[in-house]
Amino acid sequence: MLFFIACTSNTDQQATPTTDSIEGAVITDELPEEDELAPVTQVFTTLDSNFNTGSFYQSGIDSVSFTQLSKLDSGSLKEFVPYLIFNADSSLAIDPYSYNYIIQQRKGKYKVNEAGPDVEIGLVDLRQNARRRLWYSGPAAAILDAKWKDKTQLLLSGIEQLDTAGYQPFVLIIDVTDNHIQRWQSDEILEGPVNDVLKQKLEAQLNAPRTIRAF
C-alpha cells in the first residue's frame, strides 16, 4: 500500500523551511552521469520491472532555508539514532524515520506505524549532537529510499501522486552544506499499490537478531 507519512510528536515543528527556485539556475536536458542516480532508482524497478531508470531528467534546482537544530535527546528522536543512514565518516546521518513513524513493541516484536500524512527528511549532525529538518512535503509525496552520494550529498527517491491513478517518480540530490536541491523526475508513471519501503526497512532492523546487527 502507498504510504504518506508524518509525525504528531515532531521536535522541529517551528523549523519549517521555505523553498524557492535559485535565480539564474541552469536546467539542462542532459542526463546525470552514468549510474549517478542508480543507488536510489533501483527501487523503482523493484516496483515495476519494466521501469526505465535512464528516464530521469533535471526538472529544477531549489534552495531550502536552514532550520533550527533540535538535540538528539529531545522527544523520541534518540530511539531512532541506531537506525539512521550514516555517511562515510559517520559525522552526518540521514533521518527518514523519527518524524514519520512511531515504534511500538508487541509480544516481543517491534511494529512500525505511520504517524500522519506529511513527510519530512532530517539531517543529524553527530558532532553537534543535533538534528535539523532538511526536506519536507505534504501528503501528495512519499519517499521510497535514501542513500549518501558522498560525504556531503545525499540522494532521495520518491513518488508524487498525480490526479490520475498513478505516481510520478522523482529523485532529489541534496547538498547538505548549502541546502541546494537538484530535482530530477521521470515521465514513466507507476501504477497500482506502492509498498512502504522505508517502513519495511526500519521494521527489519528493529527485529533483526542483535548478533547480526551492524551497529
Protein backbone atom coordinates (compact mmCIF):
# COMPACT_ATOMS: atom_id res chain seq x y z
CA MET A 1 0.00 0.00 0.00
CA LEU A 2 1.18 3.53 -0.71
CA PHE A 3 2.45 5.42 2.29
CA PHE A 4 2.10 9.09 3.08
CA ILE A 5 3.95 9.78 6.31
CA ALA A 6 4.20 12.43 9.01
CA CYS A 7 4.60 12.99 12.74
CA THR A 8 2.44 14.01 15.63
CA SER A 9 5.36 14.34 18.06
CA ASN A 10 7.73 16.37 15.91
CA THR A 11 10.67 18.10 17.58
CA ASP A 12 11.10 20.52 14.65
CA GLN A 13 7.58 21.94 14.42
CA GLN A 14 8.83 25.54 14.45
CA ALA A 15 11.54 24.86 11.90
CA THR A 16 9.52 24.99 8.69
CA PRO A 17 11.77 25.59 5.67
CA THR A 18 10.88 27.79 2.73
CA THR A 19 11.75 26.61 -0.76
CA ASP A 20 12.47 28.91 -3.71
CA SER A 21 13.96 28.32 -7.12
CA ILE A 22 17.50 29.64 -7.35
CA GLU A 23 17.60 32.74 -9.53
CA GLY A 24 19.58 32.15 -12.71
CA ALA A 25 19.83 28.40 -12.18
CA VAL A 26 20.51 26.50 -15.39
CA ILE A 27 18.33 23.50 -16.13
CA THR A 28 19.58 21.26 -18.90
CA ASP A 29 18.24 18.24 -20.74
CA GLU A 30 21.44 16.33 -20.06
CA LEU A 31 21.15 13.08 -18.18
CA PRO A 32 23.14 12.74 -14.94
CA GLU A 33 26.46 10.92 -15.09
CA GLU A 34 26.10 7.19 -15.71
CA ASP A 35 24.91 5.39 -12.58
CA GLU A 36 24.87 8.66 -10.57
CA LEU A 37 21.25 8.12 -9.54
CA ALA A 38 21.42 4.31 -9.57
CA PRO A 39 21.67 3.84 -5.78
CA VAL A 40 18.12 5.11 -5.34
CA THR A 41 16.46 4.44 -8.72
CA GLN A 42 16.66 0.68 -8.41
CA VAL A 43 13.71 0.82 -6.01
CA PHE A 44 11.52 1.74 -9.00
CA THR A 45 12.49 -1.41 -10.90
CA THR A 46 11.54 -3.40 -7.81
CA LEU A 47 8.06 -1.88 -8.09
CA ASP A 48 7.93 -2.22 -11.88
CA SER A 49 10.47 -4.46 -13.64
CA ASN A 50 9.89 -2.56 -16.91
CA PHE A 51 10.73 0.83 -15.42
CA ASN A 52 13.47 2.68 -17.32
CA THR A 53 15.92 4.07 -14.75
CA GLY A 54 17.53 6.17 -17.52
CA SER A 55 14.34 8.18 -17.99
CA PHE A 56 15.11 10.88 -15.40
CA TYR A 57 15.70 14.48 -16.46
CA GLN A 58 16.53 17.57 -14.44
CA SER A 59 13.35 19.47 -13.56
CA GLY A 60 14.60 22.20 -11.23
CA ILE A 61 17.08 23.49 -8.67
CA ASP A 62 15.87 24.72 -5.29
CA SER A 63 17.40 26.29 -2.23
CA VAL A 64 15.94 25.39 1.16
CA SER A 65 16.46 27.65 4.18
CA PHE A 66 18.44 26.20 7.08
CA THR A 67 16.27 25.44 10.09
CA GLN A 68 16.76 25.42 13.83
CA LEU A 69 18.51 22.49 15.49
CA SER A 70 16.95 20.08 17.96
CA LYS A 71 19.10 17.99 20.30
CA LEU A 72 19.25 14.23 19.78
CA ASP A 73 18.00 13.52 23.29
CA SER A 74 14.81 15.54 22.74
CA GLY A 75 11.46 13.78 22.29
CA SER A 76 11.54 10.33 20.72
CA LEU A 77 14.45 11.05 18.39
CA LYS A 78 17.02 9.19 20.50
CA GLU A 79 15.46 5.77 19.91
CA PHE A 80 15.86 6.16 16.13
CA VAL A 81 19.56 7.06 16.14
CA PRO A 82 20.93 3.47 15.73
CA TYR A 83 18.87 3.03 12.54
CA LEU A 84 19.81 6.23 10.72
CA ILE A 85 21.69 6.22 7.40
CA PHE A 86 25.25 7.43 8.11
CA ASN A 87 27.73 8.95 5.67
CA ALA A 88 31.23 7.55 5.09
CA ASP A 89 32.86 9.06 8.19
CA SER A 90 29.71 8.81 10.37
CA SER A 91 29.74 12.56 11.00
CA LEU A 92 26.29 13.03 9.43
CA ALA A 93 23.22 10.84 9.07
CA ILE A 94 20.01 10.92 7.09
CA ASP A 95 16.95 10.63 9.31
CA PRO A 96 13.94 9.45 7.29
CA TYR A 97 12.27 7.88 10.33
CA SER A 98 11.80 9.90 13.51
CA TYR A 99 9.32 12.44 12.10
CA ASN A 100 7.44 9.90 10.03
CA TYR A 101 6.99 6.80 12.18
CA ILE A 102 6.06 5.57 15.62
CA ILE A 103 7.76 2.45 17.03
CA GLN A 104 5.69 0.11 19.18
CA GLN A 105 6.62 -3.20 20.79
CA ARG A 106 4.07 -6.02 20.98
CA LYS A 107 4.74 -9.53 22.28
CA GLY A 108 8.47 -9.19 21.80
CA LYS A 109 8.19 -7.87 18.23
CA TYR A 110 8.58 -4.29 17.04
CA LYS A 111 5.86 -2.75 14.90
CA VAL A 112 6.28 0.48 12.94
CA ASN A 113 3.24 2.67 12.26
CA GLU A 114 2.87 5.80 10.17
CA ALA A 115 2.45 8.96 12.21
CA GLY A 116 0.44 11.08 9.78
CA PRO A 117 0.00 12.35 6.22
CA ASP A 118 3.13 14.52 5.65
CA VAL A 119 6.76 13.55 5.12
CA GLU A 120 9.99 15.02 6.47
CA ILE A 121 13.61 14.04 5.96
CA GLY A 122 16.02 15.17 8.67
CA LEU A 123 19.77 15.60 8.86
CA VAL A 124 21.58 14.56 12.03
CA ASP A 125 24.95 16.15 12.82
CA LEU A 126 26.74 13.82 15.22
CA ARG A 127 29.41 16.40 16.03
CA GLN A 128 26.79 18.88 17.21
CA ASN A 129 24.58 16.14 18.66
CA ALA A 130 21.67 17.80 16.85
CA ARG A 131 19.10 17.35 14.10
CA ARG A 132 17.52 19.75 11.62
CA ARG A 133 14.81 19.49 9.01
CA LEU A 134 16.29 19.01 5.55
CA TRP A 135 13.28 18.41 3.28
CA TYR A 136 9.52 18.46 3.82
CA SER A 137 6.42 17.74 1.75
CA GLY A 138 2.70 17.37 2.18
CA PRO A 139 0.71 14.16 1.62
CA ALA A 140 0.99 14.18 -2.19
CA ALA A 141 4.60 12.91 -1.99
CA ALA A 142 6.32 9.93 -0.43
CA ILE A 143 9.99 8.98 -0.06
CA LEU A 144 10.97 5.43 -1.02
CA ASP A 145 14.73 5.33 -0.50
CA ALA A 146 17.60 7.44 0.85
CA LYS A 147 21.36 7.00 0.41
CA TRP A 148 24.54 9.07 0.56
CA LYS A 149 26.11 10.04 -2.79
CA ASP A 150 29.24 11.18 -0.97
CA LYS A 151 30.05 12.64 2.46
CA THR A 152 28.02 15.84 1.92
CA GLN A 153 25.49 14.99 -0.79
CA LEU A 154 22.57 12.65 -0.43
CA LEU A 155 20.08 11.04 -2.77
CA LEU A 156 16.36 10.68 -2.13
CA SER A 157 13.95 8.80 -4.37
CA GLY A 158 10.23 9.25 -4.11
CA ILE A 159 6.90 9.48 -5.85
CA GLU A 160 4.30 12.18 -6.26
CA GLN A 161 0.65 11.28 -6.59
CA LEU A 162 -0.93 12.57 -9.80
CA ASP A 163 -4.58 13.44 -10.37
CA THR A 164 -4.86 10.22 -12.33
CA ALA A 165 -4.41 6.78 -10.78
CA GLY A 166 -0.62 6.88 -10.94
CA TYR A 167 2.55 8.17 -9.33
CA GLN A 168 5.39 10.16 -10.88
CA PRO A 169 8.88 9.10 -9.72
CA PHE A 170 11.44 11.73 -8.71
CA VAL A 171 14.98 11.88 -7.34
CA LEU A 172 16.48 14.67 -5.24
CA ILE A 173 20.22 15.37 -4.94
CA ILE A 174 20.72 17.47 -1.80
CA ASP A 175 23.96 19.20 -0.85
CA VAL A 176 23.75 19.47 2.93
CA THR A 177 26.46 22.16 3.10
CA ASP A 178 24.37 24.77 1.25
CA ASN A 179 20.92 23.12 1.05
CA HIS A 180 20.81 23.24 -2.74
CA ILE A 181 18.48 20.60 -4.15
CA GLN A 182 18.62 19.26 -7.70
CA ARG A 183 15.28 17.80 -8.74
CA TRP A 184 15.09 15.00 -11.32
CA GLN A 185 11.87 13.39 -12.50
CA SER A 186 10.68 10.70 -14.85
CA ASP A 187 7.63 10.75 -17.08
CA GLU A 188 7.25 6.99 -16.69
CA ILE A 189 4.21 6.69 -14.45
CA LEU A 190 3.95 3.99 -11.79
CA GLU A 191 0.51 2.48 -11.34
CA GLY A 192 -1.00 0.29 -8.67
CA PRO A 193 0.00 -0.07 -5.00
CA VAL A 194 3.40 1.13 -3.80
CA ASN A 195 4.98 -0.54 -0.78
CA ASP A 196 6.24 1.47 2.17
CA VAL A 197 9.88 0.57 1.59
CA LEU A 198 11.35 2.70 4.40
CA LYS A 199 8.88 1.32 6.92
CA GLN A 200 9.76 -2.25 5.93
CA LYS A 201 13.48 -1.47 6.22
CA LEU A 202 13.08 0.02 9.69
CA GLU A 203 10.97 -2.90 10.93
CA ALA A 204 13.55 -5.38 9.62
CA GLN A 205 16.34 -3.60 11.51
CA LEU A 206 14.32 -3.42 14.71
CA ASN A 207 13.52 -7.12 14.66
CA ALA A 208 16.92 -8.37 13.48
CA PRO A 209 18.84 -10.58 15.94
CA ARG A 210 21.27 -8.43 17.89
CA THR A 211 24.19 -10.68 16.96
CA ILE A 212 23.97 -9.70 13.27
CA ARG A 213 23.18 -6.01 13.60
CA ALA A 214 25.71 -3.67 12.06
CA PHE A 215 25.65 -1.16 14.94
